[in-house]
Amino acid sequence: MSDARYTVEIKDMGGFSAHELYALLKLRVDVFVVEQNCAYPELDGKDDQALHLTLKRGEDIIAAARIFPPHDGKPAKIGRVAVSPAHRGERLGGALMEEALNACASRFPGAPVFLSAQSHLQRFYGSFGFKPVSKEYLEDGIPHVDMLKDG
């Protein structure tokens, strides 16, 4: 898929070149560890179980998310939703979520989709049909709320 502003790629870990993998992980560390000033294990041992959706401009990864398939009665899960700081204000967060939800719908038809949202982003995720399913809690010192979208 593509848009005039970006191309979309969805790969498992084995599909990335060393350069692409470095760029993806650097984007996530830049956003979740450095920008949010949050020391936590970004490399959590789960990337090999996920699909990785990237929005690219040329060879540059400008936004990314990871998607876990539903399993053992649990819904599909979208996480590590990140837009490069250099590309904020381009409405890529919304585009990224649209692409992630399209990927879930085509790969896991009818499956509900879960995400753990930073609390201040509830309205953003709500605009895609997600509803809160937990009380607010702290994760790595940042307020979060679990959200679910019916399949």
N, C-alpha and C. Protein backbone atom coordinates (compact mmCIF):
# COMPACT_ATOMS: atom_id res chain seq x y z
N MET A 1 0.84 -1.18 0.00
CA MET A 1 0.00 0.00 0.00
C MET A 1 0.88 1.24 0.00
N SER A 2 0.29 2.34 -0.40
CA SER A 2 1.03 3.58 -0.35
C SER A 2 0.07 4.76 -0.38
N ASP A 3 0.63 5.88 -0.10
CA ASP A 3 -0.06 7.16 -0.07
C ASP A 3 0.97 8.08 -0.71
N ALA A 4 0.57 9.21 -1.19
CA ALA A 4 1.54 10.11 -1.81
C ALA A 4 2.65 10.51 -0.84
N ARG A 5 2.35 10.44 0.47
CA ARG A 5 3.32 10.87 1.48
C ARG A 5 4.24 9.76 1.97
N TYR A 6 3.89 8.51 1.73
CA TYR A 6 4.66 7.40 2.29
C TYR A 6 4.32 6.10 1.58
N THR A 7 5.14 5.09 1.80
CA THR A 7 4.82 3.72 1.41
C THR A 7 4.70 2.91 2.70
N VAL A 8 3.93 1.85 2.62
CA VAL A 8 3.68 0.99 3.77
C VAL A 8 4.37 -0.35 3.55
N GLU A 9 5.04 -0.81 4.58
CA GLU A 9 5.62 -2.16 4.55
C GLU A 9 5.22 -2.87 5.84
N ILE A 10 4.92 -4.16 5.71
CA ILE A 10 4.64 -5.00 6.87
C ILE A 10 5.52 -6.22 6.75
N LYS A 11 6.36 -6.42 7.77
CA LYS A 11 7.33 -7.51 7.73
C LYS A 11 7.44 -8.15 9.11
N ASP A 12 7.89 -9.41 9.11
CA ASP A 12 8.32 -9.97 10.38
C ASP A 12 9.80 -9.63 10.53
N MET A 13 10.38 -9.97 11.64
CA MET A 13 11.78 -9.58 11.91
C MET A 13 12.74 -10.09 10.84
N GLY A 14 12.48 -11.27 10.32
CA GLY A 14 13.37 -11.83 9.30
C GLY A 14 13.36 -11.08 7.99
N GLY A 15 12.37 -10.23 7.77
CA GLY A 15 12.27 -9.50 6.51
C GLY A 15 13.07 -8.21 6.46
N PHE A 16 13.65 -7.80 7.59
CA PHE A 16 14.40 -6.55 7.63
C PHE A 16 15.87 -6.76 7.30
N SER A 17 16.42 -5.82 6.56
CA SER A 17 17.87 -5.78 6.41
C SER A 17 18.45 -5.26 7.72
N ALA A 18 19.72 -5.40 7.93
CA ALA A 18 20.35 -4.87 9.14
C ALA A 18 20.14 -3.36 9.24
N HIS A 19 20.23 -2.65 8.13
CA HIS A 19 20.04 -1.20 8.10
C HIS A 19 18.61 -0.84 8.50
N GLU A 20 17.62 -1.55 7.95
CA GLU A 20 16.22 -1.26 8.27
C GLU A 20 15.93 -1.56 9.74
N LEU A 21 16.45 -2.67 10.24
CA LEU A 21 16.21 -3.02 11.64
C LEU A 21 16.81 -1.97 12.57
N TYR A 22 18.01 -1.52 12.26
CA TYR A 22 18.64 -0.48 13.06
C TYR A 22 17.76 0.79 13.05
N ALA A 23 17.27 1.19 11.87
CA ALA A 23 16.44 2.40 11.76
C ALA A 23 15.14 2.25 12.55
N LEU A 24 14.52 1.08 12.49
CA LEU A 24 13.29 0.85 13.23
C LEU A 24 13.53 0.94 14.73
N LEU A 25 14.54 0.25 15.22
CA LEU A 25 14.83 0.26 16.65
C LEU A 25 15.30 1.63 17.13
N LYS A 26 16.05 2.34 16.29
CA LYS A 26 16.47 3.69 16.65
C LYS A 26 15.27 4.61 16.80
N LEU A 27 14.31 4.52 15.87
CA LEU A 27 13.09 5.33 15.98
C LEU A 27 12.39 5.05 17.30
N ARG A 28 12.22 3.80 17.65
CA ARG A 28 11.52 3.46 18.89
C ARG A 28 12.28 3.93 20.12
N VAL A 29 13.58 3.76 20.13
CA VAL A 29 14.37 4.22 21.28
C VAL A 29 14.33 5.75 21.36
N ASP A 30 14.45 6.43 20.21
CA ASP A 30 14.39 7.89 20.21
C ASP A 30 13.07 8.40 20.81
N VAL A 31 11.96 7.73 20.50
CA VAL A 31 10.65 8.18 20.98
C VAL A 31 10.39 7.70 22.40
N PHE A 32 10.49 6.40 22.64
CA PHE A 32 10.03 5.84 23.91
C PHE A 32 11.03 5.94 25.05
N VAL A 33 12.31 5.97 24.74
CA VAL A 33 13.32 6.04 25.80
C VAL A 33 13.85 7.46 25.95
N VAL A 34 14.34 8.04 24.86
CA VAL A 34 14.97 9.36 24.93
C VAL A 34 13.94 10.47 25.08
N GLU A 35 13.02 10.60 24.13
CA GLU A 35 12.05 11.71 24.15
C GLU A 35 11.18 11.66 25.40
N GLN A 36 10.74 10.47 25.79
CA GLN A 36 9.87 10.35 26.95
C GLN A 36 10.66 10.18 28.26
N ASN A 37 11.97 10.25 28.14
CA ASN A 37 12.85 10.17 29.31
C ASN A 37 12.45 9.00 30.21
N CYS A 38 12.39 7.82 29.59
CA CYS A 38 11.88 6.64 30.29
C CYS A 38 12.84 5.47 30.06
N ALA A 39 13.61 5.18 31.09
CA ALA A 39 14.53 4.04 30.99
C ALA A 39 13.75 2.75 31.21
N TYR A 40 13.58 1.98 30.16
CA TYR A 40 12.87 0.71 30.25
C TYR A 40 13.39 -0.19 29.14
N PRO A 41 13.13 -1.50 29.21
CA PRO A 41 13.67 -2.42 28.21
C PRO A 41 12.90 -2.36 26.88
N GLU A 42 13.24 -1.41 26.05
CA GLU A 42 12.59 -1.29 24.73
C GLU A 42 12.75 -2.59 23.94
N LEU A 43 13.90 -3.21 24.02
CA LEU A 43 14.10 -4.49 23.36
C LEU A 43 13.61 -5.56 24.34
N ASP A 44 12.34 -5.91 24.21
CA ASP A 44 11.65 -6.72 25.21
C ASP A 44 11.54 -8.20 24.88
N GLY A 45 12.20 -8.65 23.82
CA GLY A 45 12.16 -10.05 23.47
C GLY A 45 10.89 -10.48 22.74
N LYS A 46 10.03 -9.54 22.37
CA LYS A 46 8.76 -9.88 21.72
C LYS A 46 8.72 -9.52 20.23
N ASP A 47 9.74 -8.83 19.75
CA ASP A 47 9.70 -8.38 18.36
C ASP A 47 9.64 -9.53 17.36
N ASP A 48 10.21 -10.68 17.71
CA ASP A 48 10.18 -11.81 16.77
C ASP A 48 8.81 -12.47 16.70
N GLN A 49 7.88 -12.10 17.59
CA GLN A 49 6.52 -12.64 17.57
C GLN A 49 5.54 -11.71 16.85
N ALA A 50 6.02 -10.55 16.43
CA ALA A 50 5.15 -9.51 15.88
C ALA A 50 5.37 -9.28 14.40
N LEU A 51 4.36 -8.67 13.79
CA LEU A 51 4.53 -8.06 12.49
C LEU A 51 4.90 -6.61 12.73
N HIS A 52 5.72 -6.05 11.88
CA HIS A 52 6.17 -4.67 12.04
C HIS A 52 5.71 -3.86 10.84
N LEU A 53 4.87 -2.88 11.12
CA LEU A 53 4.34 -2.02 10.09
C LEU A 53 5.16 -0.74 10.09
N THR A 54 5.67 -0.36 8.94
CA THR A 54 6.44 0.88 8.83
C THR A 54 5.84 1.76 7.73
N LEU A 55 5.87 3.05 7.98
CA LEU A 55 5.61 4.04 6.95
C LEU A 55 6.97 4.58 6.56
N LYS A 56 7.26 4.54 5.28
CA LYS A 56 8.58 4.96 4.81
C LYS A 56 8.44 6.08 3.80
N ARG A 57 9.41 6.95 3.82
CA ARG A 57 9.55 7.98 2.80
C ARG A 57 10.93 7.73 2.21
N GLY A 58 10.93 7.24 0.98
CA GLY A 58 12.20 6.78 0.41
C GLY A 58 12.66 5.58 1.24
N GLU A 59 13.88 5.63 1.72
CA GLU A 59 14.41 4.56 2.57
C GLU A 59 14.23 4.85 4.05
N ASP A 60 13.75 6.04 4.40
CA ASP A 60 13.63 6.43 5.80
C ASP A 60 12.32 5.94 6.42
N ILE A 61 12.43 5.34 7.59
CA ILE A 61 11.25 4.96 8.36
C ILE A 61 10.78 6.20 9.11
N ILE A 62 9.56 6.64 8.82
CA ILE A 62 9.05 7.87 9.44
C ILE A 62 8.00 7.59 10.51
N ALA A 63 7.48 6.36 10.55
CA ALA A 63 6.53 5.95 11.58
C ALA A 63 6.50 4.42 11.62
N ALA A 64 6.13 3.88 12.77
CA ALA A 64 6.13 2.42 12.89
C ALA A 64 5.19 1.98 14.00
N ALA A 65 4.75 0.74 13.88
CA ALA A 65 3.95 0.09 14.92
C ALA A 65 4.21 -1.41 14.81
N ARG A 66 3.96 -2.11 15.91
CA ARG A 66 4.04 -3.56 15.80
C ARG A 66 2.68 -4.15 16.11
N ILE A 67 2.41 -5.29 15.47
CA ILE A 67 1.11 -5.94 15.54
C ILE A 67 1.32 -7.39 15.94
N PHE A 68 0.59 -7.80 16.97
CA PHE A 68 0.61 -9.19 17.40
C PHE A 68 -0.70 -9.85 16.99
N PRO A 69 -0.62 -11.06 16.44
CA PRO A 69 -1.86 -11.75 16.07
C PRO A 69 -2.65 -12.19 17.31
N PRO A 70 -3.95 -12.40 17.15
CA PRO A 70 -4.72 -12.93 18.27
C PRO A 70 -4.24 -14.35 18.59
N HIS A 71 -4.30 -14.72 19.87
CA HIS A 71 -3.93 -16.09 20.25
C HIS A 71 -4.53 -16.44 21.60
N ASP A 72 -4.81 -17.70 21.78
CA ASP A 72 -5.35 -18.21 23.04
C ASP A 72 -6.53 -17.39 23.55
N GLY A 73 -7.41 -16.99 22.65
CA GLY A 73 -8.59 -16.22 23.04
C GLY A 73 -8.33 -14.75 23.29
N LYS A 74 -7.09 -14.32 23.13
CA LYS A 74 -6.77 -12.90 23.32
C LYS A 74 -6.88 -12.17 21.99
N PRO A 75 -7.22 -10.88 22.02
CA PRO A 75 -7.36 -10.12 20.77
C PRO A 75 -6.01 -9.85 20.10
N ALA A 76 -6.08 -9.39 18.87
CA ALA A 76 -4.87 -8.87 18.22
C ALA A 76 -4.42 -7.66 19.04
N LYS A 77 -3.17 -7.30 18.91
CA LYS A 77 -2.64 -6.18 19.71
C LYS A 77 -1.77 -5.28 18.83
N ILE A 78 -2.00 -3.99 18.97
CA ILE A 78 -1.17 -2.98 18.30
C ILE A 78 -0.35 -2.30 19.40
N GLY A 79 0.93 -2.14 19.16
CA GLY A 79 1.78 -1.48 20.14
C GLY A 79 2.95 -0.79 19.49
N ARG A 80 3.76 -0.15 20.33
CA ARG A 80 4.95 0.58 19.88
C ARG A 80 4.62 1.51 18.71
N VAL A 81 3.52 2.23 18.85
CA VAL A 81 3.06 3.18 17.83
C VAL A 81 3.93 4.43 17.95
N ALA A 82 4.72 4.72 16.92
CA ALA A 82 5.68 5.83 17.01
C ALA A 82 5.78 6.57 15.68
N VAL A 83 5.84 7.89 15.79
CA VAL A 83 6.09 8.76 14.63
C VAL A 83 7.40 9.48 14.90
N SER A 84 8.26 9.50 13.91
CA SER A 84 9.53 10.19 14.04
C SER A 84 9.31 11.65 14.44
N PRO A 85 10.06 12.14 15.44
CA PRO A 85 9.93 13.54 15.84
C PRO A 85 10.12 14.51 14.67
N ALA A 86 10.93 14.14 13.70
CA ALA A 86 11.17 15.00 12.54
C ALA A 86 9.96 15.09 11.61
N HIS A 87 8.97 14.23 11.82
CA HIS A 87 7.80 14.19 10.93
C HIS A 87 6.48 14.41 11.67
N ARG A 88 6.55 14.97 12.86
CA ARG A 88 5.34 15.27 13.60
C ARG A 88 4.60 16.41 12.92
N GLY A 89 3.31 16.45 13.07
CA GLY A 89 2.50 17.49 12.45
C GLY A 89 2.08 17.16 11.04
N GLU A 90 2.47 15.99 10.53
CA GLU A 90 2.10 15.58 9.18
C GLU A 90 0.90 14.63 9.18
N ARG A 91 0.28 14.44 10.33
CA ARG A 91 -0.87 13.56 10.49
C ARG A 91 -0.53 12.10 10.21
N LEU A 92 0.70 11.74 10.50
CA LEU A 92 1.14 10.36 10.26
C LEU A 92 0.66 9.40 11.34
N GLY A 93 0.39 9.91 12.55
CA GLY A 93 -0.13 9.04 13.60
C GLY A 93 -1.47 8.43 13.19
N GLY A 94 -2.33 9.25 12.65
CA GLY A 94 -3.62 8.76 12.16
C GLY A 94 -3.46 7.80 11.00
N ALA A 95 -2.57 8.15 10.08
CA ALA A 95 -2.32 7.26 8.94
C ALA A 95 -1.77 5.92 9.41
N LEU A 96 -0.87 5.97 10.38
CA LEU A 96 -0.28 4.74 10.92
C LEU A 96 -1.35 3.85 11.54
N MET A 97 -2.25 4.45 12.33
CA MET A 97 -3.31 3.67 12.95
C MET A 97 -4.27 3.10 11.91
N GLU A 98 -4.61 3.89 10.89
CA GLU A 98 -5.47 3.37 9.81
C GLU A 98 -4.83 2.15 9.15
N GLU A 99 -3.54 2.27 8.85
CA GLU A 99 -2.84 1.16 8.20
C GLU A 99 -2.76 -0.06 9.13
N ALA A 100 -2.51 0.16 10.42
CA ALA A 100 -2.43 -0.95 11.37
C ALA A 100 -3.78 -1.64 11.50
N LEU A 101 -4.86 -0.86 11.58
CA LEU A 101 -6.19 -1.46 11.68
C LEU A 101 -6.58 -2.19 10.40
N ASN A 102 -6.20 -1.64 9.25
CA ASN A 102 -6.45 -2.34 7.98
C ASN A 102 -5.69 -3.66 7.94
N ALA A 103 -4.46 -3.64 8.43
CA ALA A 103 -3.66 -4.87 8.46
C ALA A 103 -4.31 -5.91 9.37
N CYS A 104 -4.79 -5.48 10.52
CA CYS A 104 -5.47 -6.40 11.44
C CYS A 104 -6.74 -6.97 10.80
N ALA A 105 -7.53 -6.10 10.16
CA ALA A 105 -8.78 -6.55 9.55
C ALA A 105 -8.53 -7.55 8.43
N SER A 106 -7.49 -7.34 7.64
CA SER A 106 -7.23 -8.25 6.52
C SER A 106 -6.56 -9.55 6.97
N ARG A 107 -5.72 -9.48 7.99
CA ARG A 107 -5.02 -10.68 8.46
C ARG A 107 -5.78 -11.46 9.52
N PHE A 108 -6.58 -10.78 10.32
CA PHE A 108 -7.31 -11.41 11.43
C PHE A 108 -8.78 -10.99 11.39
N PRO A 109 -9.51 -11.35 10.33
CA PRO A 109 -10.89 -10.86 10.16
C PRO A 109 -11.75 -11.15 11.39
N GLY A 110 -12.47 -10.11 11.82
CA GLY A 110 -13.40 -10.25 12.93
C GLY A 110 -12.77 -10.23 14.31
N ALA A 111 -11.45 -10.22 14.39
CA ALA A 111 -10.78 -10.24 15.70
C ALA A 111 -10.82 -8.85 16.34
N PRO A 112 -11.12 -8.78 17.62
CA PRO A 112 -11.00 -7.49 18.31
C PRO A 112 -9.52 -7.10 18.37
N VAL A 113 -9.27 -5.81 18.59
CA VAL A 113 -7.90 -5.30 18.64
C VAL A 113 -7.70 -4.56 19.96
N PHE A 114 -6.62 -4.85 20.63
CA PHE A 114 -6.28 -4.29 21.94
C PHE A 114 -5.09 -3.35 21.80
N LEU A 115 -5.02 -2.36 22.65
CA LEU A 115 -3.80 -1.57 22.80
C LEU A 115 -3.73 -0.99 24.20
N SER A 116 -2.52 -0.74 24.64
CA SER A 116 -2.27 -0.09 25.92
C SER A 116 -1.87 1.34 25.58
N ALA A 117 -2.79 2.27 25.83
CA ALA A 117 -2.61 3.67 25.40
C ALA A 117 -2.06 4.53 26.52
N GLN A 118 -1.16 5.43 26.18
CA GLN A 118 -0.84 6.47 27.14
C GLN A 118 -2.13 7.26 27.36
N SER A 119 -2.43 7.53 28.61
CA SER A 119 -3.73 8.10 28.97
C SER A 119 -4.09 9.36 28.19
N HIS A 120 -3.10 10.21 27.93
CA HIS A 120 -3.41 11.46 27.22
C HIS A 120 -3.80 11.23 25.76
N LEU A 121 -3.66 9.99 25.27
CA LEU A 121 -4.00 9.68 23.88
C LEU A 121 -5.34 8.95 23.75
N GLN A 122 -6.12 8.88 24.83
CA GLN A 122 -7.41 8.17 24.77
C GLN A 122 -8.33 8.72 23.69
N ARG A 123 -8.42 10.01 23.57
CA ARG A 123 -9.30 10.61 22.56
C ARG A 123 -8.82 10.24 21.15
N PHE A 124 -7.51 10.29 20.93
CA PHE A 124 -6.95 9.91 19.63
C PHE A 124 -7.36 8.49 19.27
N TYR A 125 -7.09 7.53 20.17
CA TYR A 125 -7.43 6.14 19.89
C TYR A 125 -8.94 5.94 19.86
N GLY A 126 -9.67 6.69 20.66
CA GLY A 126 -11.13 6.62 20.63
C GLY A 126 -11.69 6.98 19.27
N SER A 127 -11.00 7.87 18.54
CA SER A 127 -11.47 8.26 17.22
C SER A 127 -11.40 7.11 16.22
N PHE A 128 -10.69 6.04 16.57
CA PHE A 128 -10.60 4.84 15.72
C PHE A 128 -11.50 3.72 16.23
N GLY A 129 -12.33 4.04 17.22
CA GLY A 129 -13.27 3.05 17.74
C GLY A 129 -12.82 2.31 18.98
N PHE A 130 -11.67 2.66 19.53
CA PHE A 130 -11.20 2.01 20.76
C PHE A 130 -11.95 2.58 21.96
N LYS A 131 -12.26 1.70 22.91
CA LYS A 131 -12.92 2.10 24.15
C LYS A 131 -12.08 1.64 25.34
N PRO A 132 -12.00 2.45 26.38
CA PRO A 132 -11.24 2.05 27.57
C PRO A 132 -11.84 0.80 28.20
N VAL A 133 -10.97 -0.13 28.64
CA VAL A 133 -11.43 -1.35 29.29
C VAL A 133 -10.70 -1.58 30.62
N SER A 134 -9.98 -0.56 31.07
CA SER A 134 -9.30 -0.65 32.37
C SER A 134 -9.31 0.72 33.02
N LYS A 135 -8.98 0.71 34.29
CA LYS A 135 -8.72 1.97 34.97
C LYS A 135 -7.32 2.41 34.58
N GLU A 136 -7.01 3.67 34.82
CA GLU A 136 -5.67 4.18 34.55
C GLU A 136 -4.66 3.50 35.48
N TYR A 137 -3.50 3.19 34.92
CA TYR A 137 -2.42 2.57 35.68
C TYR A 137 -1.09 3.13 35.20
N LEU A 138 -0.06 2.98 36.01
CA LEU A 138 1.27 3.44 35.62
C LEU A 138 2.04 2.30 34.99
N GLU A 139 2.63 2.60 33.85
CA GLU A 139 3.55 1.67 33.20
C GLU A 139 4.83 2.44 32.94
N ASP A 140 5.90 2.01 33.57
CA ASP A 140 7.19 2.70 33.45
C ASP A 140 7.06 4.18 33.80
N GLY A 141 6.21 4.47 34.80
CA GLY A 141 6.05 5.83 35.29
C GLY A 141 5.14 6.71 34.45
N ILE A 142 4.52 6.14 33.42
CA ILE A 142 3.65 6.91 32.51
C ILE A 142 2.22 6.39 32.65
N PRO A 143 1.23 7.28 32.87
CA PRO A 143 -0.16 6.83 32.97
C PRO A 143 -0.65 6.19 31.66
N HIS A 144 -1.26 5.02 31.79
CA HIS A 144 -1.80 4.28 30.65
C HIS A 144 -3.21 3.82 30.94
N VAL A 145 -3.92 3.45 29.90
CA VAL A 145 -5.21 2.80 30.02
C VAL A 145 -5.32 1.77 28.89
N ASP A 146 -5.85 0.59 29.21
CA ASP A 146 -6.07 -0.43 28.19
C ASP A 146 -7.31 -0.07 27.39
N MET A 147 -7.24 -0.31 26.08
CA MET A 147 -8.36 0.01 25.19
C MET A 147 -8.60 -1.15 24.23
N LEU A 148 -9.86 -1.29 23.81
CA LEU A 148 -10.25 -2.40 22.94
C LEU A 148 -11.18 -1.89 21.86
N LYS A 149 -10.98 -2.44 20.66
CA LYS A 149 -11.86 -2.14 19.52
C LYS A 149 -12.45 -3.47 19.09
N ASP A 150 -13.78 -3.52 18.97
CA ASP A 150 -14.43 -4.74 18.50
C ASP A 150 -14.01 -5.04 17.06
N GLY A 151 -13.99 -6.33 16.74
CA GLY A 151 -13.56 -6.77 15.42
C GLY A 151 -14.62 -6.62 14.36
